Protein backbone atom coordinates (compact mmCIF):
# COMPACT_ATOMS: atom_id res chain seq x y z
CA UNK A 1 0.00 0.00 0.00
CA UNK A 2 1.40 3.37 -1.04
CA UNK A 3 1.92 6.39 1.14
CA UNK A 4 -0.72 8.46 -0.64
CA UNK A 5 -3.30 5.71 -0.07
CA UNK A 6 -2.45 5.57 3.67
CA UNK A 7 -2.81 9.34 3.94
CA UNK A 8 -6.19 9.18 2.13
CA UNK A 9 -7.47 6.44 4.48
CA UNK A 10 -6.19 8.34 7.56
CA UNK A 11 -7.91 11.54 6.43
CA UNK A 12 -11.15 9.62 5.87
CA UNK A 13 -10.99 8.18 9.41
CA UNK A 14 -10.32 11.63 10.89
CA UNK A 15 -13.21 13.20 8.96
CA UNK A 16 -15.54 10.38 10.05
CA UNK A 17 -14.50 10.83 13.70
CA UNK A 18 -15.08 14.60 13.57
CA UNK A 19 -18.52 14.15 11.96
CA UNK A 20 -19.47 11.59 14.61
CA UNK A 21 -18.47 14.00 17.38
CA UNK A 22 -20.46 16.84 15.78
CA UNK A 23 -23.59 14.66 15.43
CA UNK A 24 -23.37 13.47 19.05
CA UNK A 25 -22.83 17.05 20.27
CA UNK A 26 -25.83 18.25 18.25
CA UNK A 27 -28.05 15.61 19.85
CA UNK A 28 -26.81 16.40 23.36
CA UNK A 29 -27.48 20.11 22.94
CA UNK A 30 -30.83 19.63 21.22
CA UNK A 31 -29.44 21.36 18.13
CA UNK A 32 -30.86 21.63 14.62
CA UNK A 33 -30.13 18.02 13.74
CA UNK A 34 -31.88 16.80 16.88
CA UNK A 35 -34.89 19.05 16.25
CA UNK A 36 -35.18 17.99 12.62
CA UNK A 37 -35.24 14.31 13.60
CA UNK A 38 -37.60 14.81 16.55
CA UNK A 39 -40.17 17.15 15.06
CA UNK A 40 -43.60 16.64 16.42
CA UNK A 41 -46.12 17.72 18.97
CA UNK A 42 -45.23 17.52 22.62
CA UNK A 43 -47.65 14.96 24.01
CA UNK A 44 -47.78 12.80 27.13
CA UNK A 45 -47.83 9.21 25.86
CA UNK A 46 -45.33 7.43 28.10
CA UNK A 47 -46.21 5.04 30.90
CA UNK A 48 -48.23 6.30 33.85
CA UNK A 49 -46.34 8.16 36.56
CA UNK A 50 -46.92 6.67 40.04
CA UNK A 51 -48.11 9.10 42.72
CA UNK A 52 -47.16 7.86 46.19
CA UNK A 53 -49.05 9.16 49.20
CA UNK A 54 -48.11 6.94 52.10
CA UNK A 55 -50.09 4.03 50.66
CA UNK A 56 -48.45 0.80 49.60
CA UNK A 57 -50.22 0.92 46.24
CA UNK A 58 -49.58 4.21 44.45
CA UNK A 59 -52.13 6.08 42.39
CA UNK A 60 -51.10 6.76 38.81
CA UNK A 61 -51.13 9.83 36.63
CA UNK A 62 -51.79 8.66 33.07
CA UNK A 63 -52.59 10.18 29.70
CA UNK A 64 -56.33 9.70 30.34
CA UNK A 65 -56.03 11.63 33.63
CA UNK A 66 -54.19 14.44 31.89
CA UNK A 67 -57.07 14.82 29.43
CA UNK A 68 -59.36 15.72 32.37
CA UNK A 69 -57.19 18.64 33.52
CA UNK A 70 -56.86 22.16 32.14
CA UNK A 71 -53.48 23.05 30.68
CA UNK A 72 -51.57 26.14 31.83
CA UNK A 73 -48.57 27.77 30.20
CA UNK A 74 -45.72 30.22 30.69
CA UNK A 75 -42.76 31.40 28.63
CA UNK A 76 -39.42 30.19 29.97
CA UNK A 77 -36.72 32.81 30.37
CA UNK A 78 -33.86 30.66 29.00
CA UNK A 79 -35.16 30.23 25.46
CA UNK A 80 -38.37 32.30 25.50
CA UNK A 81 -40.25 29.14 24.58
CA UNK A 82 -43.83 28.45 25.65
CA UNK A 83 -44.01 25.69 28.26
CA UNK A 84 -47.45 24.14 28.52
CA UNK A 85 -48.66 21.45 30.87
CA UNK A 86 -50.79 20.54 33.87
CA UNK A 87 -50.39 22.17 37.25
CA UNK A 88 -48.69 19.78 39.65
CA UNK A 89 -51.27 20.92 42.21
CA UNK A 90 -54.08 19.53 40.04
CA UNK A 91 -52.19 16.28 39.44
CA UNK A 92 -51.71 15.79 43.19
CA UNK A 93 -55.37 16.57 43.90
CA UNK A 94 -56.43 13.74 41.58
CA UNK A 95 -54.97 11.29 44.14
CA UNK A 96 -55.18 13.10 47.47
CA UNK A 97 -57.93 15.04 49.20
CA UNK A 98 -57.12 18.72 49.62
CA UNK A 99 -58.06 18.60 53.31
CA UNK A 100 -55.22 16.15 54.01
CA UNK A 101 -52.60 18.60 52.70
CA UNK A 102 -51.11 21.31 54.90
CA UNK A 103 -48.25 23.85 54.70
CA UNK A 104 -45.85 21.20 56.06
CA UNK A 105 -46.63 18.79 53.22
CA UNK A 106 -43.78 18.22 50.77
CA UNK A 107 -44.10 17.08 47.15
CA UNK A 108 -41.10 15.22 45.74
CA UNK A 109 -40.81 14.85 41.97
CA UNK A 110 -38.00 12.69 40.60
CA UNK A 111 -36.51 11.09 37.53
CA UNK A 112 -34.52 7.91 38.06
CA UNK A 113 -33.16 7.96 34.49
CA UNK A 114 -31.81 11.52 34.87
CA UNK A 115 -30.87 11.26 38.55
CA UNK A 116 -32.72 14.51 39.26
CA UNK A 117 -35.33 15.45 41.83
CA UNK A 118 -37.12 18.47 43.21
CA UNK A 119 -38.63 18.83 46.67
CA UNK A 120 -41.35 21.46 46.91
CA UNK A 121 -43.57 22.65 49.72
CA UNK A 122 -47.32 22.32 49.26
CA UNK A 123 -47.54 26.14 49.48
CA UNK A 124 -45.21 26.44 46.47
CA UNK A 125 -47.07 23.77 44.50
CA UNK A 126 -50.54 25.14 45.29
CA UNK A 127 -49.69 28.72 44.29
CA UNK A 128 -50.74 29.20 40.68
CA UNK A 129 -48.35 32.18 40.46
CA UNK A 130 -45.42 29.72 40.64
CA UNK A 131 -46.74 27.84 37.58
CA UNK A 132 -45.36 24.49 38.79
CA UNK A 133 -46.35 22.31 35.83
CA UNK A 134 -45.79 18.85 34.44
CA UNK A 135 -45.21 19.54 30.76
CA UNK A 136 -45.17 16.86 28.07
CA UNK A 137 -42.03 16.43 25.99
CA UNK A 138 -41.57 15.35 22.37
CA UNK A 139 -40.39 11.99 23.73
CA UNK A 140 -43.80 11.46 25.39
CA UNK A 141 -42.53 11.85 28.97
CA UNK A 142 -43.17 14.64 31.46
CA UNK A 143 -40.87 17.36 32.76
CA UNK A 144 -41.33 19.44 35.89
CA UNK A 145 -40.97 23.12 35.02
CA UNK A 146 -41.79 26.35 36.80
CA UNK A 147 -41.20 30.09 37.03
CA UNK A 148 -40.50 29.97 40.78
CA UNK A 149 -37.03 30.68 42.14
CA UNK A 150 -34.96 27.50 42.31
CA UNK A 151 -36.86 25.85 39.47
CA UNK A 152 -36.98 28.56 36.82
CA UNK A 153 -34.13 27.43 34.55
CA UNK A 154 -33.94 24.43 32.26
CA UNK A 155 -30.97 23.06 34.23
CA UNK A 156 -33.14 22.96 37.35
CA UNK A 157 -36.12 21.26 35.71
CA UNK A 158 -36.72 17.56 36.24
CA UNK A 159 -37.02 15.82 32.86
CA UNK A 160 -38.45 12.32 32.36
CA UNK A 161 -40.47 12.38 35.60
CA UNK A 162 -41.16 8.84 36.79
CA UNK A 163 -42.21 9.36 40.43
CA UNK A 164 -44.27 11.83 42.45
CA UNK A 165 -44.34 11.44 46.22
CA UNK A 166 -46.44 13.34 48.74
CA UNK A 167 -44.92 13.47 52.24
CA UNK A 168 -47.16 14.78 54.99
CA UNK A 169 -45.70 16.22 58.20
C-alpha atoms as a PDB file:
ATOM      1  CA  UNK A   1       0.000   0.000   0.000  1.00  0.00           C
ATOM      2  CA  UNK A   2       1.399   3.372  -1.045  1.00  0.00           C
ATOM      3  CA  UNK A   3       1.925   6.394   1.144  1.00  0.00           C
ATOM      4  CA  UNK A   4      -0.724   8.455  -0.635  1.00  0.00           C
ATOM      5  CA  UNK A   5      -3.303   5.712  -0.069  1.00  0.00           C
ATOM      6  CA  UNK A   6      -2.453   5.567   3.666  1.00  0.00           C
ATOM      7  CA  UNK A   7      -2.810   9.343   3.935  1.00  0.00           C
ATOM      8  CA  UNK A   8      -6.191   9.175   2.128  1.00  0.00           C
ATOM      9  CA  UNK A   9      -7.467   6.442   4.482  1.00  0.00           C
ATOM     10  CA  UNK A  10      -6.193   8.341   7.557  1.00  0.00           C
ATOM     11  CA  UNK A  11      -7.906  11.537   6.426  1.00  0.00           C
ATOM     12  CA  UNK A  12     -11.151   9.617   5.871  1.00  0.00           C
ATOM     13  CA  UNK A  13     -10.993   8.178   9.408  1.00  0.00           C
ATOM     14  CA  UNK A  14     -10.321  11.633  10.893  1.00  0.00           C
ATOM     15  CA  UNK A  15     -13.214  13.200   8.963  1.00  0.00           C
ATOM     16  CA  UNK A  16     -15.538  10.380  10.048  1.00  0.00           C
ATOM     17  CA  UNK A  17     -14.499  10.834  13.702  1.00  0.00           C
ATOM     18  CA  UNK A  18     -15.081  14.599  13.571  1.00  0.00           C
ATOM     19  CA  UNK A  19     -18.517  14.150  11.960  1.00  0.00           C
ATOM     20  CA  UNK A  20     -19.471  11.590  14.611  1.00  0.00           C
ATOM     21  CA  UNK A  21     -18.466  13.995  17.381  1.00  0.00           C
ATOM     22  CA  UNK A  22     -20.461  16.837  15.783  1.00  0.00           C
ATOM     23  CA  UNK A  23     -23.588  14.663  15.433  1.00  0.00           C
ATOM     24  CA  UNK A  24     -23.367  13.473  19.053  1.00  0.00           C
ATOM     25  CA  UNK A  25     -22.832  17.046  20.270  1.00  0.00           C
ATOM     26  CA  UNK A  26     -25.830  18.255  18.252  1.00  0.00           C
ATOM     27  CA  UNK A  27     -28.049  15.608  19.854  1.00  0.00           C
ATOM     28  CA  UNK A  28     -26.808  16.404  23.358  1.00  0.00           C
ATOM     29  CA  UNK A  29     -27.477  20.111  22.940  1.00  0.00           C
ATOM     30  CA  UNK A  30     -30.827  19.633  21.224  1.00  0.00           C
ATOM     31  CA  UNK A  31     -29.443  21.360  18.128  1.00  0.00           C
ATOM     32  CA  UNK A  32     -30.864  21.631  14.624  1.00  0.00           C
ATOM     33  CA  UNK A  33     -30.126  18.017  13.737  1.00  0.00           C
ATOM     34  CA  UNK A  34     -31.879  16.801  16.882  1.00  0.00           C
ATOM     35  CA  UNK A  35     -34.890  19.046  16.253  1.00  0.00           C
ATOM     36  CA  UNK A  36     -35.181  17.992  12.617  1.00  0.00           C
ATOM     37  CA  UNK A  37     -35.242  14.312  13.596  1.00  0.00           C
ATOM     38  CA  UNK A  38     -37.597  14.809  16.545  1.00  0.00           C
ATOM     39  CA  UNK A  39     -40.171  17.151  15.057  1.00  0.00           C
ATOM     40  CA  UNK A  40     -43.605  16.638  16.417  1.00  0.00           C
ATOM     41  CA  UNK A  41     -46.118  17.717  18.973  1.00  0.00           C
ATOM     42  CA  UNK A  42     -45.227  17.522  22.621  1.00  0.00           C
ATOM     43  CA  UNK A  43     -47.647  14.956  24.008  1.00  0.00           C
ATOM     44  CA  UNK A  44     -47.785  12.795  27.127  1.00  0.00           C
ATOM     45  CA  UNK A  45     -47.829   9.210  25.856  1.00  0.00           C
ATOM     46  CA  UNK A  46     -45.328   7.431  28.100  1.00  0.00           C
ATOM     47  CA  UNK A  47     -46.207   5.040  30.903  1.00  0.00           C
ATOM     48  CA  UNK A  48     -48.229   6.300  33.846  1.00  0.00           C
ATOM     49  CA  UNK A  49     -46.341   8.164  36.564  1.00  0.00           C
ATOM     50  CA  UNK A  50     -46.920   6.670  40.039  1.00  0.00           C
ATOM     51  CA  UNK A  51     -48.107   9.096  42.717  1.00  0.00           C
ATOM     52  CA  UNK A  52     -47.160   7.864  46.193  1.00  0.00           C
ATOM     53  CA  UNK A  53     -49.049   9.163  49.200  1.00  0.00           C
ATOM     54  CA  UNK A  54     -48.107   6.938  52.101  1.00  0.00           C
ATOM     55  CA  UNK A  55     -50.094   4.029  50.662  1.00  0.00           C
ATOM     56  CA  UNK A  56     -48.453   0.800  49.604  1.00  0.00           C
ATOM     57  CA  UNK A  57     -50.222   0.919  46.241  1.00  0.00           C
ATOM     58  CA  UNK A  58     -49.578   4.208  44.447  1.00  0.00           C
ATOM     59  CA  UNK A  59     -52.127   6.079  42.390  1.00  0.00           C
ATOM     60  CA  UNK A  60     -51.102   6.758  38.805  1.00  0.00           C
ATOM     61  CA  UNK A  61     -51.131   9.831  36.629  1.00  0.00           C
ATOM     62  CA  UNK A  62     -51.789   8.660  33.068  1.00  0.00           C
ATOM     63  CA  UNK A  63     -52.591  10.177  29.701  1.00  0.00           C
ATOM     64  CA  UNK A  64     -56.326   9.698  30.344  1.00  0.00           C
ATOM     65  CA  UNK A  65     -56.030  11.634  33.634  1.00  0.00           C
ATOM     66  CA  UNK A  66     -54.194  14.444  31.888  1.00  0.00           C
ATOM     67  CA  UNK A  67     -57.066  14.824  29.434  1.00  0.00           C
ATOM     68  CA  UNK A  68     -59.360  15.721  32.371  1.00  0.00           C
ATOM     69  CA  UNK A  69     -57.192  18.640  33.524  1.00  0.00           C
ATOM     70  CA  UNK A  70     -56.863  22.158  32.145  1.00  0.00           C
ATOM     71  CA  UNK A  71     -53.484  23.053  30.676  1.00  0.00           C
ATOM     72  CA  UNK A  72     -51.570  26.137  31.833  1.00  0.00           C
ATOM     73  CA  UNK A  73     -48.569  27.767  30.202  1.00  0.00           C
ATOM     74  CA  UNK A  74     -45.719  30.215  30.689  1.00  0.00           C
ATOM     75  CA  UNK A  75     -42.762  31.396  28.625  1.00  0.00           C
ATOM     76  CA  UNK A  76     -39.416  30.189  29.972  1.00  0.00           C
ATOM     77  CA  UNK A  77     -36.724  32.812  30.367  1.00  0.00           C
ATOM     78  CA  UNK A  78     -33.864  30.660  29.002  1.00  0.00           C
ATOM     79  CA  UNK A  79     -35.163  30.227  25.464  1.00  0.00           C
ATOM     80  CA  UNK A  80     -38.371  32.303  25.500  1.00  0.00           C
ATOM     81  CA  UNK A  81     -40.255  29.137  24.585  1.00  0.00           C
ATOM     82  CA  UNK A  82     -43.828  28.450  25.650  1.00  0.00           C
ATOM     83  CA  UNK A  83     -44.012  25.688  28.260  1.00  0.00           C
ATOM     84  CA  UNK A  84     -47.453  24.138  28.518  1.00  0.00           C
ATOM     85  CA  UNK A  85     -48.659  21.446  30.871  1.00  0.00           C
ATOM     86  CA  UNK A  86     -50.785  20.537  33.870  1.00  0.00           C
ATOM     87  CA  UNK A  87     -50.394  22.172  37.252  1.00  0.00           C
ATOM     88  CA  UNK A  88     -48.686  19.780  39.653  1.00  0.00           C
ATOM     89  CA  UNK A  89     -51.265  20.921  42.206  1.00  0.00           C
ATOM     90  CA  UNK A  90     -54.077  19.528  40.039  1.00  0.00           C
ATOM     91  CA  UNK A  91     -52.191  16.278  39.440  1.00  0.00           C
ATOM     92  CA  UNK A  92     -51.708  15.787  43.192  1.00  0.00           C
ATOM     93  CA  UNK A  93     -55.373  16.569  43.897  1.00  0.00           C
ATOM     94  CA  UNK A  94     -56.429  13.740  41.580  1.00  0.00           C
ATOM     95  CA  UNK A  95     -54.973  11.295  44.136  1.00  0.00           C
ATOM     96  CA  UNK A  96     -55.180  13.104  47.470  1.00  0.00           C
ATOM     97  CA  UNK A  97     -57.930  15.042  49.205  1.00  0.00           C
ATOM     98  CA  UNK A  98     -57.119  18.725  49.624  1.00  0.00           C
ATOM     99  CA  UNK A  99     -58.057  18.595  53.314  1.00  0.00           C
ATOM    100  CA  UNK A 100     -55.221  16.153  54.007  1.00  0.00           C
ATOM    101  CA  UNK A 101     -52.600  18.597  52.697  1.00  0.00           C
ATOM    102  CA  UNK A 102     -51.108  21.308  54.902  1.00  0.00           C
ATOM    103  CA  UNK A 103     -48.252  23.845  54.704  1.00  0.00           C
ATOM    104  CA  UNK A 104     -45.851  21.205  56.058  1.00  0.00           C
ATOM    105  CA  UNK A 105     -46.630  18.787  53.221  1.00  0.00           C
ATOM    106  CA  UNK A 106     -43.778  18.223  50.768  1.00  0.00           C
ATOM    107  CA  UNK A 107     -44.098  17.085  47.154  1.00  0.00           C
ATOM    108  CA  UNK A 108     -41.100  15.218  45.739  1.00  0.00           C
ATOM    109  CA  UNK A 109     -40.807  14.847  41.969  1.00  0.00           C
ATOM    110  CA  UNK A 110     -37.999  12.689  40.598  1.00  0.00           C
ATOM    111  CA  UNK A 111     -36.507  11.086  37.531  1.00  0.00           C
ATOM    112  CA  UNK A 112     -34.515   7.908  38.059  1.00  0.00           C
ATOM    113  CA  UNK A 113     -33.159   7.964  34.491  1.00  0.00           C
ATOM    114  CA  UNK A 114     -31.810  11.524  34.872  1.00  0.00           C
ATOM    115  CA  UNK A 115     -30.872  11.259  38.551  1.00  0.00           C
ATOM    116  CA  UNK A 116     -32.718  14.511  39.259  1.00  0.00           C
ATOM    117  CA  UNK A 117     -35.328  15.455  41.827  1.00  0.00           C
ATOM    118  CA  UNK A 118     -37.124  18.468  43.206  1.00  0.00           C
ATOM    119  CA  UNK A 119     -38.633  18.832  46.665  1.00  0.00           C
ATOM    120  CA  UNK A 120     -41.346  21.460  46.912  1.00  0.00           C
ATOM    121  CA  UNK A 121     -43.574  22.649  49.720  1.00  0.00           C
ATOM    122  CA  UNK A 122     -47.319  22.324  49.256  1.00  0.00           C
ATOM    123  CA  UNK A 123     -47.544  26.138  49.478  1.00  0.00           C
ATOM    124  CA  UNK A 124     -45.207  26.443  46.470  1.00  0.00           C
ATOM    125  CA  UNK A 125     -47.072  23.774  44.501  1.00  0.00           C
ATOM    126  CA  UNK A 126     -50.537  25.140  45.290  1.00  0.00           C
ATOM    127  CA  UNK A 127     -49.690  28.719  44.293  1.00  0.00           C
ATOM    128  CA  UNK A 128     -50.744  29.201  40.680  1.00  0.00           C
ATOM    129  CA  UNK A 129     -48.355  32.182  40.457  1.00  0.00           C
ATOM    130  CA  UNK A 130     -45.425  29.721  40.641  1.00  0.00           C
ATOM    131  CA  UNK A 131     -46.739  27.840  37.582  1.00  0.00           C
ATOM    132  CA  UNK A 132     -45.361  24.492  38.787  1.00  0.00           C
ATOM    133  CA  UNK A 133     -46.348  22.312  35.832  1.00  0.00           C
ATOM    134  CA  UNK A 134     -45.789  18.852  34.438  1.00  0.00           C
ATOM    135  CA  UNK A 135     -45.212  19.544  30.764  1.00  0.00           C
ATOM    136  CA  UNK A 136     -45.171  16.862  28.068  1.00  0.00           C
ATOM    137  CA  UNK A 137     -42.028  16.429  25.986  1.00  0.00           C
ATOM    138  CA  UNK A 138     -41.574  15.346  22.373  1.00  0.00           C
ATOM    139  CA  UNK A 139     -40.394  11.988  23.733  1.00  0.00           C
ATOM    140  CA  UNK A 140     -43.798  11.461  25.389  1.00  0.00           C
ATOM    141  CA  UNK A 141     -42.534  11.846  28.967  1.00  0.00           C
ATOM    142  CA  UNK A 142     -43.169  14.638  31.461  1.00  0.00           C
ATOM    143  CA  UNK A 143     -40.870  17.359  32.761  1.00  0.00           C
ATOM    144  CA  UNK A 144     -41.333  19.439  35.892  1.00  0.00           C
ATOM    145  CA  UNK A 145     -40.970  23.119  35.023  1.00  0.00           C
ATOM    146  CA  UNK A 146     -41.787  26.354  36.801  1.00  0.00           C
ATOM    147  CA  UNK A 147     -41.196  30.088  37.027  1.00  0.00           C
ATOM    148  CA  UNK A 148     -40.501  29.969  40.777  1.00  0.00           C
ATOM    149  CA  UNK A 149     -37.027  30.676  42.144  1.00  0.00           C
ATOM    150  CA  UNK A 150     -34.958  27.504  42.313  1.00  0.00           C
ATOM    151  CA  UNK A 151     -36.861  25.847  39.472  1.00  0.00           C
ATOM    152  CA  UNK A 152     -36.977  28.560  36.819  1.00  0.00           C
ATOM    153  CA  UNK A 153     -34.127  27.433  34.547  1.00  0.00           C
ATOM    154  CA  UNK A 154     -33.935  24.425  32.256  1.00  0.00           C
ATOM    155  CA  UNK A 155     -30.973  23.059  34.227  1.00  0.00           C
ATOM    156  CA  UNK A 156     -33.144  22.955  37.353  1.00  0.00           C
ATOM    157  CA  UNK A 157     -36.120  21.265  35.711  1.00  0.00           C
ATOM    158  CA  UNK A 158     -36.722  17.555  36.240  1.00  0.00           C
ATOM    159  CA  UNK A 159     -37.017  15.824  32.858  1.00  0.00           C
ATOM    160  CA  UNK A 160     -38.454  12.324  32.359  1.00  0.00           C
ATOM    161  CA  UNK A 161     -40.465  12.381  35.605  1.00  0.00           C
ATOM    162  CA  UNK A 162     -41.156   8.835  36.795  1.00  0.00           C
ATOM    163  CA  UNK A 163     -42.215   9.360  40.434  1.00  0.00           C
ATOM    164  CA  UNK A 164     -44.275  11.825  42.448  1.00  0.00           C
ATOM    165  CA  UNK A 165     -44.343  11.444  46.220  1.00  0.00           C
ATOM    166  CA  UNK A 166     -46.437  13.339  48.738  1.00  0.00           C
ATOM    167  CA  UNK A 167     -44.921  13.472  52.239  1.00  0.00           C
ATOM    168  CA  UNK A 168     -47.162  14.780  54.994  1.00  0.00           C
ATOM    169  CA  UNK A 169     -45.704  16.216  58.199  1.00  0.00           C
END
